[in-house]
Amino acid sequence: MDKHKIILPISIILGCIILGGFIYASQINKQQSIERQQILKQIEDRKIEEAKAEQEKAKEIFNNNLKCQTLLKDLKQRWNNVVGIYYDESQNTCIVKYTKKGKTEESPIENMQDE
């Protein structure tokens, strides 16, 4: 008879422990999922920022190259040996292509002088 009185409370306690374990595990899983989503969002935001920065850099290079090209007509009028011009981002300047004694040479625009 005493066993029957004890079985019900023990069953209830075990059931509550098992149910609590499932609830705890689901909350942990939910928290980990939220953390994963936040990390993925940060990675995505970083990629977007990098793409924007790359796009800005490309736009700046294009604009600088365009500025160099606008100088070409004046340079050809000033010096009859100018072949072309382009923007060099490593030197951050316009590079002038010209012929000298039958050879094609290049020089930063700042170094160009009348001879």
PDB file of N, CA and C in Angstrom:
ATOM      1  N   MET A   1       0.812  -1.184   0.000  1.00  0.00           N
ATOM      2  CA  MET A   1       0.000   0.000   0.000  1.00  0.00           C
ATOM      3  C   MET A   1       0.866   1.263   0.000  1.00  0.00           C
ATOM      4  N   ASP A   2       1.964   1.248   0.722  1.00  0.00           N
ATOM      5  CA  ASP A   2       2.845   2.406   0.786  1.00  0.00           C
ATOM      6  C   ASP A   2       3.517   2.645  -0.568  1.00  0.00           C
ATOM      7  N   LYS A   3       3.760   1.562  -1.296  1.00  0.00           N
ATOM      8  CA  LYS A   3       4.370   1.715  -2.601  1.00  0.00           C
ATOM      9  C   LYS A   3       3.452   2.485  -3.545  1.00  0.00           C
ATOM     10  N   HIS A   4       2.182   2.222  -3.470  1.00  0.00           N
ATOM     11  CA  HIS A   4       1.226   2.876  -4.358  1.00  0.00           C
ATOM     12  C   HIS A   4       1.134   4.366  -4.057  1.00  0.00           C
ATOM     13  N   LYS A   5       1.301   4.761  -2.820  1.00  0.00           N
ATOM     14  CA  LYS A   5       1.248   6.176  -2.451  1.00  0.00           C
ATOM     15  C   LYS A   5       2.504   6.910  -2.920  1.00  0.00           C
ATOM     16  N   ILE A   6       3.611   6.206  -2.991  1.00  0.00           N
ATOM     17  CA  ILE A   6       4.873   6.830  -3.363  1.00  0.00           C
ATOM     18  C   ILE A   6       5.037   6.885  -4.887  1.00  0.00           C
ATOM     19  N   ILE A   7       4.481   5.953  -5.633  1.00  0.00           N
ATOM     20  CA  ILE A   7       4.653   5.872  -7.085  1.00  0.00           C
ATOM     21  C   ILE A   7       4.118   7.118  -7.788  1.00  0.00           C
ATOM     22  N   LEU A   8       2.965   7.602  -7.387  1.00  0.00           N
ATOM     23  CA  LEU A   8       2.371   8.769  -8.040  1.00  0.00           C
ATOM     24  C   LEU A   8       3.246  10.012  -7.871  1.00  0.00           C
ATOM     25  N   PRO A   9       3.700  10.379  -6.649  1.00  0.00           N
ATOM     26  CA  PRO A   9       4.565  11.569  -6.532  1.00  0.00           C
ATOM     27  C   PRO A   9       5.893  11.399  -7.260  1.00  0.00           C
ATOM     28  N   ILE A  10       6.476  10.191  -7.223  1.00  0.00           N
ATOM     29  CA  ILE A  10       7.725   9.950  -7.933  1.00  0.00           C
ATOM     30  C   ILE A  10       7.511  10.086  -9.436  1.00  0.00           C
ATOM     31  N   SER A  11       6.406   9.579  -9.957  1.00  0.00           N
ATOM     32  CA  SER A  11       6.086   9.693 -11.390  1.00  0.00           C
ATOM     33  C   SER A  11       5.918  11.151 -11.785  1.00  0.00           C
ATOM     34  N   ILE A  12       5.253  11.913 -10.928  1.00  0.00           N
ATOM     35  CA  ILE A  12       5.050  13.339 -11.208  1.00  0.00           C
ATOM     36  C   ILE A  12       6.400  14.070 -11.214  1.00  0.00           C
ATOM     37  N   ILE A  13       7.251  13.774 -10.239  1.00  0.00           N
ATOM     38  CA  ILE A  13       8.563  14.413 -10.152  1.00  0.00           C
ATOM     39  C   ILE A  13       9.412  14.039 -11.363  1.00  0.00           C
ATOM     40  N   LEU A  14       9.437  12.761 -11.720  1.00  0.00           N
ATOM     41  CA  LEU A  14      10.202  12.333 -12.901  1.00  0.00           C
ATOM     42  C   LEU A  14       9.666  12.978 -14.180  1.00  0.00           C
ATOM     43  N   GLY A  15       8.366  13.043 -14.297  1.00  0.00           N
ATOM     44  CA  GLY A  15       7.745  13.683 -15.472  1.00  0.00           C
ATOM     45  C   GLY A  15       8.125  15.150 -15.551  1.00  0.00           C
ATOM     46  N   CYS A  16       8.106  15.829 -14.407  1.00  0.00           N
ATOM     47  CA  CYS A  16       8.486  17.251 -14.383  1.00  0.00           C
ATOM     48  C   CYS A  16       9.969  17.426 -14.737  1.00  0.00           C
ATOM     49  N   ILE A  17      10.815  16.547 -14.242  1.00  0.00           N
ATOM     50  CA  ILE A  17      12.247  16.624 -14.563  1.00  0.00           C
ATOM     51  C   ILE A  17      12.467  16.418 -16.061  1.00  0.00           C
ATOM     52  N   ILE A  18      11.815  15.418 -16.634  1.00  0.00           N
ATOM     53  CA  ILE A  18      11.958  15.147 -18.065  1.00  0.00           C
ATOM     54  C   ILE A  18      11.415  16.319 -18.886  1.00  0.00           C
ATOM     55  N   LEU A  19      10.233  16.815 -18.529  1.00  0.00           N
ATOM     56  CA  LEU A  19       9.634  17.945 -19.228  1.00  0.00           C
ATOM     57  C   LEU A  19      10.519  19.187 -19.104  1.00  0.00           C
ATOM     58  N   GLY A  20      11.042  19.421 -17.917  1.00  0.00           N
ATOM     59  CA  GLY A  20      11.954  20.555 -17.697  1.00  0.00           C
ATOM     60  C   GLY A  20      13.209  20.420 -18.543  1.00  0.00           C
ATOM     61  N   GLY A  21      13.737  19.201 -18.647  1.00  0.00           N
ATOM     62  CA  GLY A  21      14.915  18.966 -19.484  1.00  0.00           C
ATOM     63  C   GLY A  21      14.644  19.294 -20.938  1.00  0.00           C
ATOM     64  N   PHE A  22      13.488  18.889 -21.445  1.00  0.00           N
ATOM     65  CA  PHE A  22      13.127  19.203 -22.823  1.00  0.00           C
ATOM     66  C   PHE A  22      12.970  20.711 -23.027  1.00  0.00           C
ATOM     67  N   ILE A  23      12.336  21.377 -22.111  1.00  0.00           N
ATOM     68  CA  ILE A  23      12.152  22.829 -22.211  1.00  0.00           C
ATOM     69  C   ILE A  23      13.514  23.529 -22.170  1.00  0.00           C
ATOM     70  N   TYR A  24      14.389  23.106 -21.248  1.00  0.00           N
ATOM     71  CA  TYR A  24      15.720  23.690 -21.132  1.00  0.00           C
ATOM     72  C   TYR A  24      16.517  23.486 -22.424  1.00  0.00           C
ATOM     73  N   ALA A  25      16.466  22.275 -22.965  1.00  0.00           N
ATOM     74  CA  ALA A  25      17.191  21.974 -24.198  1.00  0.00           C
ATOM     75  C   ALA A  25      16.665  22.813 -25.365  1.00  0.00           C
ATOM     76  N   SER A  26      15.357  22.991 -25.436  1.00  0.00           N
ATOM     77  CA  SER A  26      14.801  23.795 -26.531  1.00  0.00           C
ATOM     78  C   SER A  26      15.190  25.265 -26.383  1.00  0.00           C
ATOM     79  N   GLN A  27      15.265  25.770 -25.167  1.00  0.00           N
ATOM     80  CA  GLN A  27      15.688  27.159 -24.950  1.00  0.00           C
ATOM     81  C   GLN A  27      17.159  27.351 -25.325  1.00  0.00           C
ATOM     82  N   ILE A  28      17.995  26.379 -24.981  1.00  0.00           N
ATOM     83  CA  ILE A  28      19.414  26.440 -25.357  1.00  0.00           C
ATOM     84  C   ILE A  28      19.542  26.436 -26.878  1.00  0.00           C
ATOM     85  N   ASN A  29      18.807  25.565 -27.535  1.00  0.00           N
ATOM     86  CA  ASN A  29      18.829  25.486 -28.993  1.00  0.00           C
ATOM     87  C   ASN A  29      18.354  26.799 -29.614  1.00  0.00           C
ATOM     88  N   LYS A  30      17.312  27.376 -29.048  1.00  0.00           N
ATOM     89  CA  LYS A  30      16.784  28.643 -29.536  1.00  0.00           C
ATOM     90  C   LYS A  30      17.830  29.753 -29.394  1.00  0.00           C
ATOM     91  N   GLN A  31      18.511  29.805 -28.247  1.00  0.00           N
ATOM     92  CA  GLN A  31      19.539  30.818 -28.009  1.00  0.00           C
ATOM     93  C   GLN A  31      20.703  30.650 -28.995  1.00  0.00           C
ATOM     94  N   GLN A  32      21.128  29.423 -29.225  1.00  0.00           N
ATOM     95  CA  GLN A  32      22.215  29.170 -30.172  1.00  0.00           C
ATOM     96  C   GLN A  32      21.807  29.571 -31.589  1.00  0.00           C
ATOM     97  N   SER A  33      20.566  29.328 -31.936  1.00  0.00           N
ATOM     98  CA  SER A  33      20.066  29.711 -33.252  1.00  0.00           C
ATOM     99  C   SER A  33      20.084  31.230 -33.413  1.00  0.00           C
ATOM    100  N   ILE A  34      19.675  31.949 -32.383  1.00  0.00           N
ATOM    101  CA  ILE A  34      19.700  33.409 -32.416  1.00  0.00           C
ATOM    102  C   ILE A  34      21.136  33.911 -32.573  1.00  0.00           C
ATOM    103  N   GLU A  35      22.068  33.305 -31.848  1.00  0.00           N
ATOM    104  CA  GLU A  35      23.475  33.708 -31.934  1.00  0.00           C
ATOM    105  C   GLU A  35      24.035  33.444 -33.333  1.00  0.00           C
ATOM    106  N   ARG A  36      23.667  32.306 -33.925  1.00  0.00           N
ATOM    107  CA  ARG A  36      24.114  31.996 -35.292  1.00  0.00           C
ATOM    108  C   ARG A  36      23.567  33.030 -36.281  1.00  0.00           C
ATOM    109  N   GLN A  37      22.299  33.396 -36.116  1.00  0.00           N
ATOM    110  CA  GLN A  37      21.697  34.381 -37.005  1.00  0.00           C
ATOM    111  C   GLN A  37      22.403  35.729 -36.872  1.00  0.00           C
ATOM    112  N   GLN A  38      22.754  36.119 -35.640  1.00  0.00           N
ATOM    113  CA  GLN A  38      23.456  37.385 -35.440  1.00  0.00           C
ATOM    114  C   GLN A  38      24.833  37.356 -36.099  1.00  0.00           C
ATOM    115  N   ILE A  39      25.531  36.251 -35.976  1.00  0.00           N
ATOM    116  CA  ILE A  39      26.851  36.122 -36.605  1.00  0.00           C
ATOM    117  C   ILE A  39      26.721  36.195 -38.129  1.00  0.00           C
ATOM    118  N   LEU A  40      25.731  35.500 -38.683  1.00  0.00           N
ATOM    119  CA  LEU A  40      25.523  35.534 -40.133  1.00  0.00           C
ATOM    120  C   LEU A  40      25.171  36.939 -40.607  1.00  0.00           C
ATOM    121  N   LYS A  41      24.376  37.655 -39.827  1.00  0.00           N
ATOM    122  CA  LYS A  41      24.012  39.030 -40.177  1.00  0.00           C
ATOM    123  C   LYS A  41      25.246  39.932 -40.140  1.00  0.00           C
ATOM    124  N   GLN A  42      26.118  39.754 -39.152  1.00  0.00           N
ATOM    125  CA  GLN A  42      27.341  40.543 -39.078  1.00  0.00           C
ATOM    126  C   GLN A  42      28.242  40.265 -40.283  1.00  0.00           C
ATOM    127  N   ILE A  43      28.349  38.997 -40.661  1.00  0.00           N
ATOM    128  CA  ILE A  43      29.157  38.627 -41.827  1.00  0.00           C
ATOM    129  C   ILE A  43      28.569  39.255 -43.092  1.00  0.00           C
ATOM    130  N   GLU A  44      27.257  39.187 -43.221  1.00  0.00           N
ATOM    131  CA  GLU A  44      26.587  39.763 -44.382  1.00  0.00           C
ATOM    132  C   GLU A  44      26.777  41.280 -44.427  1.00  0.00           C
ATOM    133  N   ASP A  45      26.639  41.938 -43.275  1.00  0.00           N
ATOM    134  CA  ASP A  45      26.845  43.390 -43.209  1.00  0.00           C
ATOM    135  C   ASP A  45      28.278  43.756 -43.577  1.00  0.00           C
ATOM    136  N   ARG A  46      29.239  42.963 -43.109  1.00  0.00           N
ATOM    137  CA  ARG A  46      30.640  43.209 -43.426  1.00  0.00           C
ATOM    138  C   ARG A  46      30.881  43.068 -44.933  1.00  0.00           C
ATOM    139  N   LYS A  47      30.270  42.052 -45.547  1.00  0.00           N
ATOM    140  CA  LYS A  47      30.421  41.861 -46.990  1.00  0.00           C
ATOM    141  C   LYS A  47      29.815  43.028 -47.760  1.00  0.00           C
ATOM    142  N   ILE A  48      28.679  43.528 -47.294  1.00  0.00           N
ATOM    143  CA  ILE A  48      28.036  44.669 -47.945  1.00  0.00           C
ATOM    144  C   ILE A  48      28.926  45.902 -47.840  1.00  0.00           C
ATOM    145  N   GLU A  49      29.502  46.126 -46.663  1.00  0.00           N
ATOM    146  CA  GLU A  49      30.399  47.268 -46.473  1.00  0.00           C
ATOM    147  C   GLU A  49      31.636  47.144 -47.361  1.00  0.00           C
ATOM    148  N   GLU A  50      32.195  45.940 -47.459  1.00  0.00           N
ATOM    149  CA  GLU A  50      33.361  45.727 -48.319  1.00  0.00           C
ATOM    150  C   GLU A  50      33.003  45.979 -49.787  1.00  0.00           C
ATOM    151  N   ALA A  51      31.820  45.529 -50.195  1.00  0.00           N
ATOM    152  CA  ALA A  51      31.386  45.738 -51.574  1.00  0.00           C
ATOM    153  C   ALA A  51      31.197  47.226 -51.853  1.00  0.00           C
ATOM    154  N   LYS A  52      30.636  47.955 -50.885  1.00  0.00           N
ATOM    155  CA  LYS A  52      30.460  49.399 -51.049  1.00  0.00           C
ATOM    156  C   LYS A  52      31.814  50.092 -51.151  1.00  0.00           C
ATOM    157  N   ALA A  53      32.749  49.692 -50.296  1.00  0.00           N
ATOM    158  CA  ALA A  53      34.081  50.297 -50.322  1.00  0.00           C
ATOM    159  C   ALA A  53      34.772  50.009 -51.654  1.00  0.00           C
ATOM    160  N   GLU A  54      34.635  48.786 -52.141  1.00  0.00           N
ATOM    161  CA  GLU A  54      35.236  48.410 -53.424  1.00  0.00           C
ATOM    162  C   GLU A  54      34.604  49.199 -54.567  1.00  0.00           C
ATOM    163  N   GLN A  55      33.292  49.382 -54.482  1.00  0.00           N
ATOM    164  CA  GLN A  55      32.581  50.144 -55.507  1.00  0.00           C
ATOM    165  C   GLN A  55      33.034  51.614 -55.481  1.00  0.00           C
ATOM    166  N   GLU A  56      33.202  52.170 -54.293  1.00  0.00           N
ATOM    167  CA  GLU A  56      33.683  53.551 -54.176  1.00  0.00           C
ATOM    168  C   GLU A  56      35.092  53.693 -54.751  1.00  0.00           C
ATOM    169  N   LYS A  57      35.933  52.703 -54.468  1.00  0.00           N
ATOM    170  CA  LYS A  57      37.305  52.736 -54.987  1.00  0.00           C
ATOM    171  C   LYS A  57      37.293  52.672 -56.515  1.00  0.00           C
ATOM    172  N   ALA A  58      36.473  51.789 -57.072  1.00  0.00           N
ATOM    173  CA  ALA A  58      36.368  51.674 -58.526  1.00  0.00           C
ATOM    174  C   ALA A  58      35.846  52.970 -59.129  1.00  0.00           C
ATOM    175  N   LYS A  59      34.909  53.592 -58.456  1.00  0.00           N
ATOM    176  CA  LYS A  59      34.351  54.859 -58.925  1.00  0.00           C
ATOM    177  C   LYS A  59      35.418  55.955 -58.896  1.00  0.00           C
ATOM    178  N   GLU A  60      36.212  55.974 -57.834  1.00  0.00           N
ATOM    179  CA  GLU A  60      37.288  56.956 -57.722  1.00  0.00           C
ATOM    180  C   GLU A  60      38.332  56.744 -58.818  1.00  0.00           C
ATOM    181  N   ILE A  61      38.702  55.497 -59.067  1.00  0.00           N
ATOM    182  CA  ILE A  61      39.672  55.191 -60.125  1.00  0.00           C
ATOM    183  C   ILE A  61      39.119  55.622 -61.484  1.00  0.00           C
ATOM    184  N   PHE A  62      37.842  55.332 -61.719  1.00  0.00           N
ATOM    185  CA  PHE A  62      37.209  55.724 -62.979  1.00  0.00           C
ATOM    186  C   PHE A  62      37.237  57.240 -63.147  1.00  0.00           C
ATOM    187  N   ASN A  63      36.877  57.960 -62.081  1.00  0.00           N
ATOM    188  CA  ASN A  63      36.874  59.427 -62.149  1.00  0.00           C
ATOM    189  C   ASN A  63      38.279  59.984 -62.374  1.00  0.00           C
ATOM    190  N   ASN A  64      39.262  59.405 -61.698  1.00  0.00           N
ATOM    191  CA  ASN A  64      40.643  59.849 -61.892  1.00  0.00           C
ATOM    192  C   ASN A  64      41.115  59.574 -63.317  1.00  0.00           C
ATOM    193  N   ASN A  65      40.746  58.410 -63.835  1.00  0.00           N
ATOM    194  CA  ASN A  65      41.108  58.071 -65.218  1.00  0.00           C
ATOM    195  C   ASN A  65      40.430  59.036 -66.190  1.00  0.00           C
ATOM    196  N   LEU A  66      39.189  59.383 -65.888  1.00  0.00           N
ATOM    197  CA  LEU A  66      38.462  60.332 -66.722  1.00  0.00           C
ATOM    198  C   LEU A  66      39.144  61.698 -66.705  1.00  0.00           C
ATOM    199  N   LYS A  67      39.610  62.130 -65.537  1.00  0.00           N
ATOM    200  CA  LYS A  67      40.340  63.403 -65.429  1.00  0.00           C
ATOM    201  C   LYS A  67      41.615  63.357 -66.263  1.00  0.00           C
ATOM    202  N   CYS A  68      42.311  62.225 -66.192  1.00  0.00           N
ATOM    203  CA  CYS A  68      43.531  62.073 -66.992  1.00  0.00           C
ATOM    204  C   CYS A  68      43.211  62.168 -68.481  1.00  0.00           C
ATOM    205  N   GLN A  69      42.131  61.528 -68.900  1.00  0.00           N
ATOM    206  CA  GLN A  69      41.758  61.533 -70.314  1.00  0.00           C
ATOM    207  C   GLN A  69      41.397  62.937 -70.794  1.00  0.00           C
ATOM    208  N   THR A  70      40.827  63.758 -69.897  1.00  0.00           N
ATOM    209  CA  THR A  70      40.492  65.126 -70.306  1.00  0.00           C
ATOM    210  C   THR A  70      41.752  65.953 -70.530  1.00  0.00           C
ATOM    211  N   LEU A  71      42.840  65.569 -69.905  1.00  0.00           N
ATOM    212  CA  LEU A  71      44.110  66.275 -70.104  1.00  0.00           C
ATOM    213  C   LEU A  71      44.792  65.895 -71.418  1.00  0.00           C
ATOM    214  N   LEU A  72      44.402  64.784 -72.001  1.00  0.00           N
ATOM    215  CA  LEU A  72      45.093  64.252 -73.172  1.00  0.00           C
ATOM    216  C   LEU A  72      45.126  65.236 -74.336  1.00  0.00           C
ATOM    217  N   LYS A  73      44.005  65.878 -74.627  1.00  0.00           N
ATOM    218  CA  LYS A  73      43.943  66.809 -75.763  1.00  0.00           C
ATOM    219  C   LYS A  73      44.930  67.962 -75.559  1.00  0.00           C
ATOM    220  N   ASP A  74      44.949  68.522 -74.350  1.00  0.00           N
ATOM    221  CA  ASP A  74      45.871  69.626 -74.071  1.00  0.00           C
ATOM    222  C   ASP A  74      47.324  69.168 -74.163  1.00  0.00           C
ATOM    223  N   LEU A  75      47.593  67.969 -73.656  1.00  0.00           N
ATOM    224  CA  LEU A  75      48.965  67.449 -73.708  1.00  0.00           C
ATOM    225  C   LEU A  75      49.419  67.216 -75.147  1.00  0.00           C
ATOM    226  N   LYS A  76      48.518  66.711 -75.986  1.00  0.00           N
ATOM    227  CA  LYS A  76      48.873  66.469 -77.398  1.00  0.00           C
ATOM    228  C   LYS A  76      49.150  67.781 -78.127  1.00  0.00           C
ATOM    229  N   GLN A  77      48.416  68.843 -77.725  1.00  0.00           N
ATOM    230  CA  GLN A  77      48.669  70.149 -78.340  1.00  0.00           C
ATOM    231  C   GLN A  77      49.997  70.726 -77.844  1.00  0.00           C
ATOM    232  N   ARG A  78      50.307  70.507 -76.594  1.00  0.00           N
ATOM    233  CA  ARG A  78      51.527  71.059 -76.003  1.00  0.00           C
ATOM    234  C   ARG A  78      52.763  70.318 -76.500  1.00  0.00           C
ATOM    235  N   TRP A  79      52.669  68.987 -76.534  1.00  0.00           N
ATOM    236  CA  TRP A  79      53.780  68.152 -76.980  1.00  0.00           C
ATOM    237  C   TRP A  79      53.287  67.252 -78.109  1.00  0.00           C
ATOM    238  N   ASN A  80      53.937  67.277 -79.215  1.00  0.00           N
ATOM    239  CA  ASN A  80      53.461  66.501 -80.367  1.00  0.00           C
ATOM    240  C   ASN A  80      53.845  65.030 -80.290  1.00  0.00           C
ATOM    241  N   ASN A  81      54.579  64.630 -79.249  1.00  0.00           N
ATOM    242  CA  ASN A  81      54.990  63.226 -79.157  1.00  0.00           C
ATOM    243  C   ASN A  81      54.153  62.413 -78.161  1.00  0.00           C
ATOM    244  N   VAL A  82      53.086  62.987 -77.615  1.00  0.00           N
ATOM    245  CA  VAL A  82      52.240  62.283 -76.641  1.00  0.00           C
ATOM    246  C   VAL A  82      51.376  61.258 -77.369  1.00  0.00           C
ATOM    247  N   VAL A  83      51.419  60.006 -76.864  1.00  0.00           N
ATOM    248  CA  VAL A  83      50.665  58.911 -77.469  1.00  0.00           C
ATOM    249  C   VAL A  83      49.365  58.657 -76.707  1.00  0.00           C
ATOM    250  N   GLY A  84      49.423  58.722 -75.384  1.00  0.00           N
ATOM    251  CA  GLY A  84      48.245  58.446 -74.578  1.00  0.00           C
ATOM    252  C   GLY A  84      48.492  58.787 -73.116  1.00  0.00           C
ATOM    253  N   ILE A  85      47.476  58.541 -72.312  1.00  0.00           N
ATOM    254  CA  ILE A  85      47.567  58.821 -70.876  1.00  0.00           C
ATOM    255  C   ILE A  85      46.654  57.854 -70.141  1.00  0.00           C
ATOM    256  N   TYR A  86      47.043  57.469 -68.941  1.00  0.00           N
ATOM    257  CA  TYR A  86      46.198  56.615 -68.114  1.00  0.00           C
ATOM    258  C   TYR A  86      46.471  56.903 -66.646  1.00  0.00           C
ATOM    259  N   TYR A  87      45.561  56.497 -65.801  1.00  0.00           N
ATOM    260  CA  TYR A  87      45.703  56.718 -64.361  1.00  0.00           C
ATOM    261  C   TYR A  87      46.330  55.484 -63.718  1.00  0.00           C
ATOM    262  N   ASP A  88      47.375  55.700 -62.931  1.00  0.00           N
ATOM    263  CA  ASP A  88      48.043  54.616 -62.202  1.00  0.00           C
ATOM    264  C   ASP A  88      47.706  54.764 -60.727  1.00  0.00           C
ATOM    265  N   GLU A  89      46.915  53.835 -60.219  1.00  0.00           N
ATOM    266  CA  GLU A  89      46.470  53.965 -58.831  1.00  0.00           C
ATOM    267  C   GLU A  89      47.587  53.701 -57.828  1.00  0.00           C
ATOM    268  N   SER A  90      48.611  52.930 -58.204  1.00  0.00           N
ATOM    269  CA  SER A  90      49.703  52.674 -57.268  1.00  0.00           C
ATOM    270  C   SER A  90      50.512  53.946 -57.019  1.00  0.00           C
ATOM    271  N   GLN A  91      50.625  54.794 -58.040  1.00  0.00           N
ATOM    272  CA  GLN A  91      51.342  56.060 -57.895  1.00  0.00           C
ATOM    273  C   GLN A  91      50.393  57.228 -57.650  1.00  0.00           C
ATOM    274  N   ASN A  92      49.100  56.970 -57.794  1.00  0.00           N
ATOM    275  CA  ASN A  92      48.049  57.962 -57.598  1.00  0.00           C
ATOM    276  C   ASN A  92      48.279  59.194 -58.479  1.00  0.00           C
ATOM    277  N   THR A  93      48.566  58.948 -59.741  1.00  0.00           N
ATOM    278  CA  THR A  93      48.815  60.037 -60.680  1.00  0.00           C
ATOM    279  C   THR A  93      48.534  59.585 -62.111  1.00  0.00           C
ATOM    280  N   CYS A  94      48.490  60.568 -63.004  1.00  0.00           N
ATOM    281  CA  CYS A  94      48.336  60.270 -64.424  1.00  0.00           C
ATOM    282  C   CYS A  94      49.710  59.947 -65.007  1.00  0.00           C
ATOM    283  N   ILE A  95      49.764  58.914 -65.813  1.00  0.00           N
ATOM    284  CA  ILE A  95      50.991  58.504 -66.486  1.00  0.00           C
ATOM    285  C   ILE A  95      50.839  58.830 -67.970  1.00  0.00           C
ATOM    286  N   VAL A  96      51.799  59.560 -68.486  1.00  0.00           N
ATOM    287  CA  VAL A  96      51.765  59.980 -69.889  1.00  0.00           C
ATOM    288  C   VAL A  96      52.655  59.045 -70.701  1.00  0.00           C
ATOM    289  N   LYS A  97      52.105  58.544 -71.804  1.00  0.00           N
ATOM    290  CA  LYS A  97      52.880  57.743 -72.754  1.00  0.00           C
ATOM    291  C   LYS A  97      53.301  58.672 -73.886  1.00  0.00           C
ATOM    292  N   TYR A  98      54.580  58.640 -74.220  1.00  0.00           N
ATOM    293  CA  TYR A  98      55.091  59.497 -75.279  1.00  0.00           C
ATOM    294  C   TYR A  98      56.231  58.789 -76.006  1.00  0.00           C
ATOM    295  N   THR A  99      56.542  59.299 -77.174  1.00  0.00           N
ATOM    296  CA  THR A  99      57.641  58.717 -77.941  1.00  0.00           C
ATOM    297  C   THR A  99      58.864  59.625 -77.807  1.00  0.00           C
ATOM    298  N   LYS A 100      59.996  58.992 -77.666  1.00  0.00           N
ATOM    299  CA  LYS A 100      61.254  59.733 -77.569  1.00  0.00           C
ATOM    300  C   LYS A 100      62.297  58.924 -78.333  1.00  0.00           C
ATOM    301  N   LYS A 101      62.828  59.505 -79.393  1.00  0.00           N
ATOM    302  CA  LYS A 101      63.818  58.843 -80.241  1.00  0.00           C
ATOM    303  C   LYS A 101      63.308  57.495 -80.758  1.00  0.00           C
ATOM    304  N   GLY A 102      62.038  57.461 -81.128  1.00  0.00           N
ATOM    305  CA  GLY A 102      61.459  56.261 -81.709  1.00  0.00           C
ATOM    306  C   GLY A 102      60.986  55.221 -80.714  1.00  0.00           C
ATOM    307  N   LYS A 103      61.210  55.445 -79.422  1.00  0.00           N
ATOM    308  CA  LYS A 103      60.771  54.489 -78.399  1.00  0.00           C
ATOM    309  C   LYS A 103      59.615  55.087 -77.605  1.00  0.00           C
ATOM    310  N   THR A 104      58.706  54.210 -77.178  1.00  0.00           N
ATOM    311  CA  THR A 104      57.604  54.656 -76.343  1.00  0.00           C
ATOM    312  C   THR A 104      58.039  54.615 -74.886  1.00  0.00           C
ATOM    313  N   GLU A 105      57.858  55.734 -74.217  1.00  0.00           N
ATOM    314  CA  GLU A 105      58.222  55.829 -72.810  1.00  0.00           C
ATOM    315  C   GLU A 105      57.023  56.316 -72.011  1.00  0.00           C
ATOM    316  N   GLU A 106      57.121  56.153 -70.695  1.00  0.00           N
ATOM    317  CA  GLU A 106      56.055  56.589 -69.800  1.00  0.00           C
ATOM    318  C   GLU A 106      56.655  57.411 -68.672  1.00  0.00           C
ATOM    319  N   SER A 107      55.876  58.396 -68.203  1.00  0.00           N
ATOM    320  CA  SER A 107      56.339  59.232 -67.120  1.00  0.00           C
ATOM    321  C   SER A 107      55.136  59.819 -66.389  1.00  0.00           C
ATOM    322  N   PRO A 108      55.223  59.991 -65.080  1.00  0.00           N
ATOM    323  CA  PRO A 108      54.142  60.679 -64.371  1.00  0.00           C
ATOM    324  C   PRO A 108      53.988  62.090 -64.915  1.00  0.00           C
ATOM    325  N   ILE A 109      52.785  62.569 -64.947  1.00  0.00           N
ATOM    326  CA  ILE A 109      52.500  63.874 -65.539  1.00  0.00           C
ATOM    327  C   ILE A 109      53.263  64.999 -64.830  1.00  0.00           C
ATOM    328  N   GLU A 110      53.518  64.822 -63.550  1.00  0.00           N
ATOM    329  CA  GLU A 110      54.238  65.829 -62.780  1.00  0.00           C
ATOM    330  C   GLU A 110      55.675  66.001 -63.285  1.00  0.00           C
ATOM    331  N   ASN A 111      56.250  64.937 -63.863  1.00  0.00           N
ATOM    332  CA  ASN A 111      57.635  64.977 -64.325  1.00  0.00           C
ATOM    333  C   ASN A 111      57.791  65.506 -65.742  1.00  0.00           C
ATOM    334  N   MET A 112      56.668  65.732 -66.412  1.00  0.00           N
ATOM    335  CA  MET A 112      56.724  66.185 -67.805  1.00  0.00           C
ATOM    336  C   MET A 112      57.163  67.645 -67.835  1.00  0.00           C
ATOM    337  N   GLN A 113      58.119  67.952 -68.720  1.00  0.00           N
ATOM    338  CA  GLN A 113      58.648  69.305 -68.854  1.00  0.00           C
ATOM    339  C   GLN A 113      58.848  69.619 -70.321  1.00  0.00           C
ATOM    340  N   ASP A 114      58.837  70.903 -70.599  1.00  0.00           N
ATOM    341  CA  ASP A 114      59.179  71.339 -71.953  1.00  0.00           C
ATOM    342  C   ASP A 114      60.688  71.243 -72.110  1.00  0.00           C
ATOM    343  N   GLU A 115      61.122  70.752 -73.234  1.00  0.00           N
ATOM    344  CA  GLU A 115      62.581  70.664 -73.473  1.00  0.00           C
ATOM    345  C   GLU A 115      63.015  71.667 -74.493  1.00  0.00           C
TER     346      GLU A 115
END
